[in-house]
Amino acid sequence: MMSQAIFQYAMRAADARVLVGDQQYPVLFQGAWDEAVAAAPMVEYQNGTRSQLLLTVGQFDVDGKGAGVGAVSIRLGSAGGLTLRESTLTALCPGSPRPAKHDLRINVAVTMPDLLPGITLRNKVSGSFLLLAPTIAEFPPANSLYALESPVELEDANNPGPVLATILALPSTVSGR
């Protein structure tokens, strides 16, 4: 059996914004996710002989609440039948694991039962949910700042087509172990 390293993260996004129709809503999100990587590549990365690690996201559970929008949940999902759950850790200086860039690219399932009852949304473009920390001083991160690379358009998972909502911003503070 191949051993692996598991990293768990907690996140908080106090200034997130969601657009539904033509109305923007501030949302406070909190949640967690985890990632796994085989032990051998992790050792190579830590020793500076590997400059990039590919990690697999095991779970992503983020819940929010905002005035006017109510509850908002973000989970791992699929877009166009494709489940995407990958992350990369890339060294910014050759031969040294720190500092690094950390990104999380997943497909999501989003629910907003107060505004869109009975509808599960998904990202319209596969892989468009990209949460990025351009520079982290340590890994796992400690109080590091992450943000969406660009807004994430969401469509009805059962009736794809029109954009029903957009995650405009998800500035997050993330710590891991």
Foldseek 3Di string as FASTA:
>chain_A
DFDKDKKKKKKWFQAWWKFFDNDIWGKIKIWMWMKMFTPVVVVCLQQLNDFKTKIFIDWTWMWIATPPQGIKIKIADAEPPHWDWIKMWGDPDRRHSPWTKIKTFTKIWMDRCVVDNPFIKIFHDHRQAMWIQHTAGDPVGDQGWIKRPAKTFIAGPVDDDDGRMIGGMGTMGMGMD
